[in-house]
PDB file of N, CA and C in Angstrom:
ATOM      1  N   MET A   1       4.394  71.031-119.435  1.00  0.00           N
ATOM      2  CA  MET A   1       3.342  71.342-118.487  1.00  0.00           C
ATOM      3  C   MET A   1       2.041  70.628-118.862  1.00  0.00           C
ATOM      4  N   ILE A   2       1.265  70.310-117.850  1.00  0.00           N
ATOM      5  CA  ILE A   2      -0.055  69.726-118.090  1.00  0.00           C
ATOM      6  C   ILE A   2      -1.010  70.862-118.432  1.00  0.00           C
ATOM      7  N   SER A   3      -1.863  70.650-119.420  1.00  0.00           N
ATOM      8  CA  SER A   3      -2.810  71.698-119.805  1.00  0.00           C
ATOM      9  C   SER A   3      -3.850  71.909-118.708  1.00  0.00           C
ATOM     10  N   VAL A   4      -4.425  73.091-118.701  1.00  0.00           N
ATOM     11  CA  VAL A   4      -5.481  73.412-117.738  1.00  0.00           C
ATOM     12  C   VAL A   4      -6.647  72.448-117.912  1.00  0.00           C
ATOM     13  N   GLU A   5      -6.971  72.139-119.148  1.00  0.00           N
ATOM     14  CA  GLU A   5      -8.078  71.225-119.432  1.00  0.00           C
ATOM     15  C   GLU A   5      -7.822  69.846-118.812  1.00  0.00           C
ATOM     16  N   THR A   6      -6.612  69.322-118.995  1.00  0.00           N
ATOM     17  CA  THR A   6      -6.287  68.004-118.442  1.00  0.00           C
ATOM     18  C   THR A   6      -6.298  68.038-116.921  1.00  0.00           C
ATOM     19  N   ALA A   7      -5.698  69.070-116.338  1.00  0.00           N
ATOM     20  CA  ALA A   7      -5.678  69.186-114.878  1.00  0.00           C
ATOM     21  C   ALA A   7      -7.094  69.290-114.312  1.00  0.00           C
ATOM     22  N   THR A   8      -7.941  70.069-114.962  1.00  0.00           N
ATOM     23  CA  THR A   8      -9.333  70.206-114.518  1.00  0.00           C
ATOM     24  C   THR A   8     -10.078  68.893-114.648  1.00  0.00           C
ATOM     25  N   ASP A   9      -9.891  68.217-115.769  1.00  0.00           N
ATOM     26  CA  ASP A   9     -10.550  66.918-115.977  1.00  0.00           C
ATOM     27  C   ASP A   9     -10.114  65.898-114.933  1.00  0.00           C
ATOM     28  N   ILE A  10      -8.827  65.895-114.589  1.00  0.00           N
ATOM     29  CA  ILE A  10      -8.333  64.972-113.560  1.00  0.00           C
ATOM     30  C   ILE A  10      -8.972  65.301-112.216  1.00  0.00           C
ATOM     31  N   ALA A  11      -8.988  66.568-111.851  1.00  0.00           N
ATOM     32  CA  ALA A  11      -9.574  66.968-110.563  1.00  0.00           C
ATOM     33  C   ALA A  11     -11.059  66.639-110.500  1.00  0.00           C
ATOM     34  N   MET A  12     -11.786  66.916-111.575  1.00  0.00           N
ATOM     35  CA  MET A  12     -13.229  66.645-111.590  1.00  0.00           C
ATOM     36  C   MET A  12     -13.507  65.141-111.537  1.00  0.00           C
ATOM     37  N   THR A  13     -12.673  64.358-112.194  1.00  0.00           N
ATOM     38  CA  THR A  13     -12.859  62.910-112.181  1.00  0.00           C
ATOM     39  C   THR A  13     -12.564  62.346-110.797  1.00  0.00           C
ATOM     40  N   HIS A  14     -11.520  62.850-110.146  1.00  0.00           N
ATOM     41  CA  HIS A  14     -11.248  62.436-108.765  1.00  0.00           C
ATOM     42  C   HIS A  14     -12.436  62.758-107.869  1.00  0.00           C
ATOM     43  N   ARG A  15     -13.002  63.937-108.025  1.00  0.00           N
ATOM     44  CA  ARG A  15     -14.150  64.358-107.211  1.00  0.00           C
ATOM     45  C   ARG A  15     -15.361  63.473-107.499  1.00  0.00           C
ATOM     46  N   GLU A  16     -15.584  63.150-108.747  1.00  0.00           N
ATOM     47  CA  GLU A  16     -16.712  62.295-109.129  1.00  0.00           C
ATOM     48  C   GLU A  16     -16.591  60.915-108.475  1.00  0.00           C
ATOM     49  N   ILE A  17     -15.388  60.371-108.471  1.00  0.00           N
ATOM     50  CA  ILE A  17     -15.153  59.068-107.832  1.00  0.00           C
ATOM     51  C   ILE A  17     -15.409  59.174-106.332  1.00  0.00           C
ATOM     52  N   GLU A  18     -14.907  60.231-105.716  1.00  0.00           N
ATOM     53  CA  GLU A  18     -15.080  60.433-104.277  1.00  0.00           C
ATOM     54  C   GLU A  18     -16.565  60.508-103.899  1.00  0.00           C
ATOM     55  N   VAL A  19     -17.327  61.289-104.633  1.00  0.00           N
ATOM     56  CA  VAL A  19     -18.765  61.442-104.360  1.00  0.00           C
ATOM     57  C   VAL A  19     -19.498  60.124-104.594  1.00  0.00           C
ATOM     58  N   ALA A  20     -19.166  59.443-105.680  1.00  0.00           N
ATOM     59  CA  ALA A  20     -19.834  58.177-106.001  1.00  0.00           C
ATOM     60  C   ALA A  20     -19.523  57.113-104.952  1.00  0.00           C
ATOM     61  N   GLU A  21     -18.288  57.066-104.471  1.00  0.00           N
ATOM     62  CA  GLU A  21     -17.929  56.083-103.445  1.00  0.00           C
ATOM     63  C   GLU A  21     -18.669  56.361-102.138  1.00  0.00           C
ATOM     64  N   LYS A  22     -18.854  57.635-101.797  1.00  0.00           N
ATOM     65  CA  LYS A  22     -19.622  57.994-100.600  1.00  0.00           C
ATOM     66  C   LYS A  22     -21.084  57.578-100.772  1.00  0.00           C
ATOM     67  N   LEU A  23     -21.654  57.853-101.939  1.00  0.00           N
ATOM     68  CA  LEU A  23     -23.032  57.461-102.209  1.00  0.00           C
ATOM     69  C   LEU A  23     -23.181  55.945-102.176  1.00  0.00           C
ATOM     70  N   LEU A  24     -22.210  55.234-102.728  1.00  0.00           N
ATOM     71  CA  LEU A  24     -22.240  53.771-102.705  1.00  0.00           C
ATOM     72  C   LEU A  24     -22.216  53.253-101.262  1.00  0.00           C
ATOM     73  N   ALA A  25     -21.415  53.869-100.416  1.00  0.00           N
ATOM     74  CA  ALA A  25     -21.382  53.470 -99.005  1.00  0.00           C
ATOM     75  C   ALA A  25     -22.743  53.702 -98.357  1.00  0.00           C
ATOM     76  N   ASP A  26     -23.404  54.810 -98.697  1.00  0.00           N
ATOM     77  CA  ASP A  26     -24.749  55.088 -98.168  1.00  0.00           C
ATOM     78  C   ASP A  26     -25.750  54.043 -98.638  1.00  0.00           C
ATOM     79  N   VAL A  27     -25.680  53.672 -99.907  1.00  0.00           N
ATOM     80  CA  VAL A  27     -26.588  52.666-100.456  1.00  0.00           C
ATOM     81  C   VAL A  27     -26.315  51.304 -99.816  1.00  0.00           C
ATOM     82  N   ASP A  28     -25.043  50.983 -99.617  1.00  0.00           N
ATOM     83  CA  ASP A  28     -24.698  49.728 -98.936  1.00  0.00           C
ATOM     84  C   ASP A  28     -25.308  49.700 -97.533  1.00  0.00           C
ATOM     85  N   GLU A  29     -25.270  50.822 -96.845  1.00  0.00           N
ATOM     86  CA  GLU A  29     -25.846  50.912 -95.500  1.00  0.00           C
ATOM     87  C   GLU A  29     -27.357  50.676 -95.538  1.00  0.00           C
ATOM     88  N   VAL A  30     -28.021  51.226 -96.540  1.00  0.00           N
ATOM     89  CA  VAL A  30     -29.467  51.005 -96.694  1.00  0.00           C
ATOM     90  C   VAL A  30     -29.734  49.515 -96.877  1.00  0.00           C
ATOM     91  N   GLN A  31     -28.934  48.859 -97.708  1.00  0.00           N
ATOM     92  CA  GLN A  31     -29.154  47.435 -97.961  1.00  0.00           C
ATOM     93  C   GLN A  31     -28.871  46.595 -96.711  1.00  0.00           C
ATOM     94  N   LYS A  32     -27.911  47.004 -95.887  1.00  0.00           N
ATOM     95  CA  LYS A  32     -27.646  46.303 -94.624  1.00  0.00           C
ATOM     96  C   LYS A  32     -28.825  46.435 -93.664  1.00  0.00           C
ATOM     97  N   ASN A  33     -29.550  47.548 -93.795  1.00  0.00           N
ATOM     98  CA  ASN A  33     -30.694  47.816 -92.923  1.00  0.00           C
ATOM     99  C   ASN A  33     -32.004  47.340 -93.545  1.00  0.00           C
ATOM    100  N   ASN A  34     -31.917  46.334 -94.394  1.00  0.00           N
ATOM    101  CA  ASN A  34     -33.100  45.747 -95.047  1.00  0.00           C
ATOM    102  C   ASN A  34     -33.950  46.772 -95.784  1.00  0.00           C
ATOM    103  N   GLY A  35     -33.287  47.683 -96.479  1.00  0.00           N
ATOM    104  CA  GLY A  35     -33.993  48.653 -97.309  1.00  0.00           C
ATOM    105  C   GLY A  35     -34.478  49.888 -96.584  1.00  0.00           C
ATOM    106  N   VAL A  36     -34.215  49.980 -95.272  1.00  0.00           N
ATOM    107  CA  VAL A  36     -34.619  51.169 -94.516  1.00  0.00           C
ATOM    108  C   VAL A  36     -33.563  52.242 -94.737  1.00  0.00           C
ATOM    109  N   SER A  37     -33.991  53.363 -95.290  1.00  0.00           N
ATOM    110  CA  SER A  37     -33.069  54.415 -95.697  1.00  0.00           C
ATOM    111  C   SER A  37     -33.008  55.554 -94.690  1.00  0.00           C
ATOM    112  N   ASP A  38     -31.799  56.089 -94.537  1.00  0.00           N
ATOM    113  CA  ASP A  38     -31.641  57.359 -93.842  1.00  0.00           C
ATOM    114  C   ASP A  38     -30.991  58.360 -94.794  1.00  0.00           C
ATOM    115  N   ILE A  39     -31.101  58.088 -96.099  1.00  0.00           N
ATOM    116  CA  ILE A  39     -30.623  59.028 -97.111  1.00  0.00           C
ATOM    117  C   ILE A  39     -31.728  60.062 -97.299  1.00  0.00           C
ATOM    118  N   ARG A  40     -31.352  61.325 -97.137  1.00  0.00           N
ATOM    119  CA  ARG A  40     -32.351  62.400 -97.155  1.00  0.00           C
ATOM    120  C   ARG A  40     -32.059  63.403 -98.270  1.00  0.00           C
ATOM    121  N   ASP A  41     -33.119  64.039 -98.748  1.00  0.00           N
ATOM    122  CA  ASP A  41     -32.945  65.099 -99.737  1.00  0.00           C
ATOM    123  C   ASP A  41     -32.599  66.399 -99.012  1.00  0.00           C
ATOM    124  N   CYS A  42     -32.468  67.484 -99.766  1.00  0.00           N
ATOM    125  CA  CYS A  42     -32.064  68.759 -99.178  1.00  0.00           C
ATOM    126  C   CYS A  42     -33.120  69.331 -98.220  1.00  0.00           C
ATOM    127  N   PHE A  43     -34.329  68.780 -98.229  1.00  0.00           N
ATOM    128  CA  PHE A  43     -35.383  69.228 -97.317  1.00  0.00           C
ATOM    129  C   PHE A  43     -35.509  68.314 -96.100  1.00  0.00           C
ATOM    130  N   GLY A  44     -34.608  67.325 -95.992  1.00  0.00           N
ATOM    131  CA  GLY A  44     -34.619  66.423 -94.855  1.00  0.00           C
ATOM    132  C   GLY A  44     -35.575  65.249 -94.985  1.00  0.00           C
ATOM    133  N   ARG A  45     -36.180  65.077 -96.167  1.00  0.00           N
ATOM    134  CA  ARG A  45     -37.112  63.963 -96.367  1.00  0.00           C
ATOM    135  C   ARG A  45     -36.347  62.689 -96.707  1.00  0.00           C
ATOM    136  N   VAL A  46     -36.707  61.596 -96.039  1.00  0.00           N
ATOM    137  CA  VAL A  46     -36.092  60.298 -96.310  1.00  0.00           C
ATOM    138  C   VAL A  46     -36.435  59.870 -97.734  1.00  0.00           C
ATOM    139  N   GLN A  47     -35.441  59.348 -98.439  1.00  0.00           N
ATOM    140  CA  GLN A  47     -35.633  58.895 -99.814  1.00  0.00           C
ATOM    141  C   GLN A  47     -35.722  57.375 -99.856  1.00  0.00           C
ATOM    142  N   ASN A  48     -36.608  56.864-100.685  1.00  0.00           N
ATOM    143  CA  ASN A  48     -36.782  55.418-100.825  1.00  0.00           C
ATOM    144  C   ASN A  48     -36.126  54.877-102.080  1.00  0.00           C
ATOM    145  N   GLY A  49     -35.327  55.686-102.726  1.00  0.00           N
ATOM    146  CA  GLY A  49     -34.599  55.325-103.929  1.00  0.00           C
ATOM    147  C   GLY A  49     -33.871  56.558-104.416  1.00  0.00           C
ATOM    148  N   LEU A  50     -33.115  56.415-105.458  1.00  0.00           N
ATOM    149  CA  LEU A  50     -32.365  57.544-105.986  1.00  0.00           C
ATOM    150  C   LEU A  50     -33.038  58.120-107.221  1.00  0.00           C
ATOM    151  N   GLU A  51     -32.628  59.319-107.590  1.00  0.00           N
ATOM    152  CA  GLU A  51     -33.143  60.026-108.747  1.00  0.00           C
ATOM    153  C   GLU A  51     -32.081  59.971-109.836  1.00  0.00           C
ATOM    154  N   LEU A  52     -32.509  59.798-111.065  1.00  0.00           N
ATOM    155  CA  LEU A  52     -31.589  59.716-112.192  1.00  0.00           C
ATOM    156  C   LEU A  52     -32.143  60.593-113.304  1.00  0.00           C
ATOM    157  N   GLY A  53     -31.287  61.433-113.893  1.00  0.00           N
ATOM    158  CA  GLY A  53     -31.800  62.227-114.992  1.00  0.00           C
ATOM    159  C   GLY A  53     -30.923  63.397-115.371  1.00  0.00           C
ATOM    160  N   VAL A  54     -31.444  64.205-116.272  1.00  0.00           N
ATOM    161  CA  VAL A  54     -30.842  65.455-116.682  1.00  0.00           C
ATOM    162  C   VAL A  54     -31.461  66.510-115.771  1.00  0.00           C
ATOM    163  N   PRO A  55     -30.653  67.162-114.912  1.00  0.00           N
ATOM    164  CA  PRO A  55     -31.214  67.874-113.774  1.00  0.00           C
ATOM    165  C   PRO A  55     -31.946  69.186-114.027  1.00  0.00           C
ATOM    166  N   SER A  56     -31.646  69.912-115.073  1.00  0.00           N
ATOM    167  CA  SER A  56     -32.267  71.230-115.154  1.00  0.00           C
ATOM    168  C   SER A  56     -32.505  71.664-116.586  1.00  0.00           C
ATOM    169  N   GLY A  57     -33.236  72.757-116.706  1.00  0.00           N
ATOM    170  CA  GLY A  57     -33.509  73.327-118.015  1.00  0.00           C
ATOM    171  C   GLY A  57     -34.834  72.860-118.577  1.00  0.00           C
ATOM    172  N   GLY A  58     -35.176  73.429-119.701  1.00  0.00           N
ATOM    173  CA  GLY A  58     -36.451  73.123-120.341  1.00  0.00           C
ATOM    174  C   GLY A  58     -36.547  71.697-120.853  1.00  0.00           C
ATOM    175  N   THR A  59     -35.428  71.049-121.009  1.00  0.00           N
ATOM    176  CA  THR A  59     -35.441  69.670-121.511  1.00  0.00           C
ATOM    177  C   THR A  59     -35.085  68.667-120.425  1.00  0.00           C
ATOM    178  N   SER A  60     -35.247  69.060-119.161  1.00  0.00           N
ATOM    179  CA  SER A  60     -34.886  68.136-118.084  1.00  0.00           C
ATOM    180  C   SER A  60     -35.799  66.918-118.107  1.00  0.00           C
ATOM    181  N   ARG A  61     -35.205  65.796-117.777  1.00  0.00           N
ATOM    182  CA  ARG A  61     -35.930  64.528-117.698  1.00  0.00           C
ATOM    183  C   ARG A  61     -35.390  63.781-116.499  1.00  0.00           C
ATOM    184  N   ARG A  62     -36.292  63.256-115.666  1.00  0.00           N
ATOM    185  CA  ARG A  62     -35.845  62.539-114.481  1.00  0.00           C
ATOM    186  C   ARG A  62     -36.748  61.354-114.215  1.00  0.00           C
ATOM    187  N   ILE A  63     -36.136  60.353-113.618  1.00  0.00           N
ATOM    188  CA  ILE A  63     -36.916  59.249-113.067  1.00  0.00           C
ATOM    189  C   ILE A  63     -36.631  59.235-111.571  1.00  0.00           C
ATOM    190  N   PHE A  64     -37.624  58.852-110.816  1.00  0.00           N
ATOM    191  CA  PHE A  64     -37.522  58.900-109.367  1.00  0.00           C
ATOM    192  C   PHE A  64     -37.587  57.501-108.780  1.00  0.00           C
ATOM    193  N   ASN A  65     -37.103  57.378-107.554  1.00  0.00           N
ATOM    194  CA  ASN A  65     -37.172  56.136-106.785  1.00  0.00           C
ATOM    195  C   ASN A  65     -36.555  54.946-107.508  1.00  0.00           C
ATOM    196  N   VAL A  66     -35.361  55.167-108.079  1.00  0.00           N
ATOM    197  CA  VAL A  66     -34.608  54.051-108.647  1.00  0.00           C
ATOM    198  C   VAL A  66     -34.289  53.118-107.470  1.00  0.00           C
ATOM    199  N   PRO A  67     -34.701  51.856-107.529  1.00  0.00           N
ATOM    200  CA  PRO A  67     -34.524  50.944-106.398  1.00  0.00           C
ATOM    201  C   PRO A  67     -33.052  50.815-105.979  1.00  0.00           C
ATOM    202  N   TRP A  68     -32.833  50.623-104.674  1.00  0.00           N
ATOM    203  CA  TRP A  68     -31.475  50.547-104.127  1.00  0.00           C
ATOM    204  C   TRP A  68     -30.590  49.511-104.823  1.00  0.00           C
ATOM    205  N   PRO A  69     -31.063  48.287-105.062  1.00  0.00           N
ATOM    206  CA  PRO A  69     -30.180  47.319-105.742  1.00  0.00           C
ATOM    207  C   PRO A  69     -29.765  47.786-107.138  1.00  0.00           C
ATOM    208  N   MET A  70     -30.684  48.409-107.852  1.00  0.00           N
ATOM    209  CA  MET A  70     -30.369  48.914-109.185  1.00  0.00           C
ATOM    210  C   MET A  70     -29.438  50.124-109.085  1.00  0.00           C
ATOM    211  N   ALA A  71     -29.693  50.982-108.107  1.00  0.00           N
ATOM    212  CA  ALA A  71     -28.843  52.155-107.906  1.00  0.00           C
ATOM    213  C   ALA A  71     -27.403  51.724-107.619  1.00  0.00           C
ATOM    214  N   LYS A  72     -27.254  50.676-106.813  1.00  0.00           N
ATOM    215  CA  LYS A  72     -25.915  50.177-106.478  1.00  0.00           C
ATOM    216  C   LYS A  72     -25.166  49.754-107.735  1.00  0.00           C
ATOM    217  N   ILE A  73     -25.826  49.031-108.613  1.00  0.00           N
ATOM    218  CA  ILE A  73     -25.206  48.578-109.861  1.00  0.00           C
ATOM    219  C   ILE A  73     -24.798  49.778-110.720  1.00  0.00           C
ATOM    220  N   ILE A  74     -25.667  50.765-110.805  1.00  0.00           N
ATOM    221  CA  ILE A  74     -25.384  51.961-111.604  1.00  0.00           C
ATOM    222  C   ILE A  74     -24.188  52.719-111.028  1.00  0.00           C
ATOM    223  N   ILE A  75     -24.165  52.885-109.714  1.00  0.00           N
ATOM    224  CA  ILE A  75     -23.070  53.612-109.068  1.00  0.00           C
ATOM    225  C   ILE A  75     -21.759  52.866-109.238  1.00  0.00           C
ATOM    226  N   GLU A  76     -21.769  51.555-109.050  1.00  0.00           N
ATOM    227  CA  GLU A  76     -20.542  50.765-109.234  1.00  0.00           C
ATOM    228  C   GLU A  76     -20.024  50.883-110.667  1.00  0.00           C
ATOM    229  N   GLY A  77     -20.925  50.849-111.633  1.00  0.00           N
ATOM    230  CA  GLY A  77     -20.528  51.015-113.030  1.00  0.00           C
ATOM    231  C   GLY A  77     -19.958  52.393-113.295  1.00  0.00           C
ATOM    232  N   HIS A  78     -20.546  53.399-112.665  1.00  0.00           N
ATOM    233  CA  HIS A  78     -20.077  54.774-112.827  1.00  0.00           C
ATOM    234  C   HIS A  78     -18.668  54.936-112.232  1.00  0.00           C
ATOM    235  N   ILE A  79     -18.450  54.326-111.068  1.00  0.00           N
ATOM    236  CA  ILE A  79     -17.127  54.388-110.450  1.00  0.00           C
ATOM    237  C   ILE A  79     -16.096  53.713-111.352  1.00  0.00           C
ATOM    238  N   ALA A  80     -16.422  52.545-111.862  1.00  0.00           N
ATOM    239  CA  ALA A  80     -15.497  51.823-112.746  1.00  0.00           C
ATOM    240  C   ALA A  80     -15.183  52.644-113.994  1.00  0.00           C
ATOM    241  N   ALA A  81     -16.202  53.235-114.596  1.00  0.00           N
ATOM    242  CA  ALA A  81     -15.990  54.047-115.798  1.00  0.00           C
ATOM    243  C   ALA A  81     -15.150  55.287-115.476  1.00  0.00           C
ATOM    244  N   SER A  82     -15.391  55.888-114.319  1.00  0.00           N
ATOM    245  CA  SER A  82     -14.620  57.072-113.914  1.00  0.00           C
ATOM    246  C   SER A  82     -13.162  56.718-113.664  1.00  0.00           C
ATOM    247  N   LYS A  83     -12.908  55.559-113.076  1.00  0.00           N
ATOM    248  CA  LYS A  83     -11.530  55.134-112.845  1.00  0.00           C
ATOM    249  C   LYS A  83     -10.813  54.856-114.153  1.00  0.00           C
ATOM    250  N   THR A  84     -11.531  54.301-115.118  1.00  0.00           N
ATOM    251  CA  THR A  84     -10.954  54.080-116.446  1.00  0.00           C
ATOM    252  C   THR A  84     -10.627  55.418-117.105  1.00  0.00           C
ATOM    253  N   ARG A  85     -11.545  56.365-116.975  1.00  0.00           N
ATOM    254  CA  ARG A  85     -11.310  57.718-117.515  1.00  0.00           C
ATOM    255  C   ARG A  85     -10.092  58.348-116.843  1.00  0.00           C
ATOM    256  N   LEU A  86      -9.962  58.167-115.536  1.00  0.00           N
ATOM    257  CA  LEU A  86      -8.837  58.730-114.808  1.00  0.00           C
ATOM    258  C   LEU A  86      -7.515  58.141-115.296  1.00  0.00           C
ATOM    259  N   GLN A  87      -7.497  56.839-115.576  1.00  0.00           N
ATOM    260  CA  GLN A  87      -6.284  56.215-116.115  1.00  0.00           C
ATOM    261  C   GLN A  87      -5.904  56.843-117.453  1.00  0.00           C
ATOM    262  N   ALA A  88      -6.907  57.065-118.302  1.00  0.00           N
ATOM    263  CA  ALA A  88      -6.642  57.689-119.602  1.00  0.00           C
ATOM    264  C   ALA A  88      -6.143  59.127-119.423  1.00  0.00           C
ATOM    265  N   LEU A  89      -6.724  59.845-118.483  1.00  0.00           N
ATOM    266  CA  LEU A  89      -6.288  61.226-118.223  1.00  0.00           C
ATOM    267  C   LEU A  89      -4.876  61.261-117.659  1.00  0.00           C
ATOM    268  N   ASN A  90      -4.540  60.287-116.813  1.00  0.00           N
ATOM    269  CA  ASN A  90      -3.170  60.212-116.286  1.00  0.00           C
ATOM    270  C   ASN A  90      -2.176  59.989-117.418  1.00  0.00           C
ATOM    271  N   GLU A  91      -2.547  59.133-118.365  1.00  0.00           N
ATOM    272  CA  GLU A  91      -1.671  58.894-119.518  1.00  0.00           C
ATOM    273  C   GLU A  91      -1.544  60.158-120.366  1.00  0.00           C
ATOM    274  N   LYS A  92      -2.645  60.856-120.540  1.00  0.00           N
ATOM    275  CA  LYS A  92      -2.618  62.121-121.291  1.00  0.00           C
ATOM    276  C   LYS A  92      -1.687  63.122-120.605  1.00  0.00           C
ATOM    277  N   ALA A  93      -1.751  63.180-119.279  1.00  0.00           N
ATOM    278  CA  ALA A  93      -0.875  64.092-118.529  1.00  0.00           C
ATOM    279  C   ALA A  93       0.594  63.703-118.717  1.00  0.00           C
ATOM    280  N   ARG A  94       0.887  62.412-118.694  1.00  0.00           N
ATOM    281  CA  ARG A  94       2.265  61.955-118.921  1.00  0.00           C
ATOM    282  C   ARG A  94       2.775  62.408-120.294  1.00  0.00           C
ATOM    283  N   ILE A  95       1.916  62.256-121.282  1.00  0.00           N
ATOM    284  CA  ILE A  95       2.284  62.676-122.637  1.00  0.00           C
ATOM    285  C   ILE A  95       2.523  64.178-122.683  1.00  0.00           C
ATOM    286  N   GLU A  96       1.643  64.918-122.035  1.00  0.00           N
ATOM    287  CA  GLU A  96       1.799  66.374-122.009  1.00  0.00           C
ATOM    288  C   GLU A  96       3.091  66.777-121.302  1.00  0.00           C
ATOM    289  N   LEU A  97       3.507  66.000-120.323  1.00  0.00           N
ATOM    290  CA  LEU A  97       4.756  66.297-119.609  1.00  0.00           C
ATOM    291  C   LEU A  97       5.992  65.840-120.380  1.00  0.00           C
ATOM    292  N   GLY A  98       5.744  65.098-121.480  1.00  0.00           N
ATOM    293  CA  GLY A  98       6.853  64.629-122.308  1.00  0.00           C
ATOM    294  C   GLY A  98       7.457  63.333-121.820  1.00  0.00           C
ATOM    295  N   ALA A  99       6.789  62.675-120.866  1.00  0.00           N
ATOM    296  CA  ALA A  99       7.284  61.385-120.363  1.00  0.00           C
ATOM    297  C   ALA A  99       6.651  60.263-121.186  1.00  0.00           C
ATOM    298  N   SER A 100       7.287  59.117-121.162  1.00  0.00           N
ATOM    299  CA  SER A 100       6.699  57.977-121.892  1.00  0.00           C
ATOM    300  C   SER A 100       6.393  56.846-120.965  1.00  0.00           C
TER     301      SER A 100
END
């Protein structure tokens, strides 16, 4: 059997890729529109860049308005790293199942 930890990690990694690919499509759309964004925050305000940081707590740190071209590079790198992680998790699941 696959462990709960491995199954959870696989599901979370799939979700991370899905969300990142959607965000990348949104950023691509902004770049097609010459930098005009229709990406909005939870209050409906148009964003002119993305936010990057540790989101909460007393030690939270954030930077705002990460430019779209830079955001695209970061998101693409994140997707690639997540896919690599998913490959490793798939191999871990195979091992847990006793397959080679």
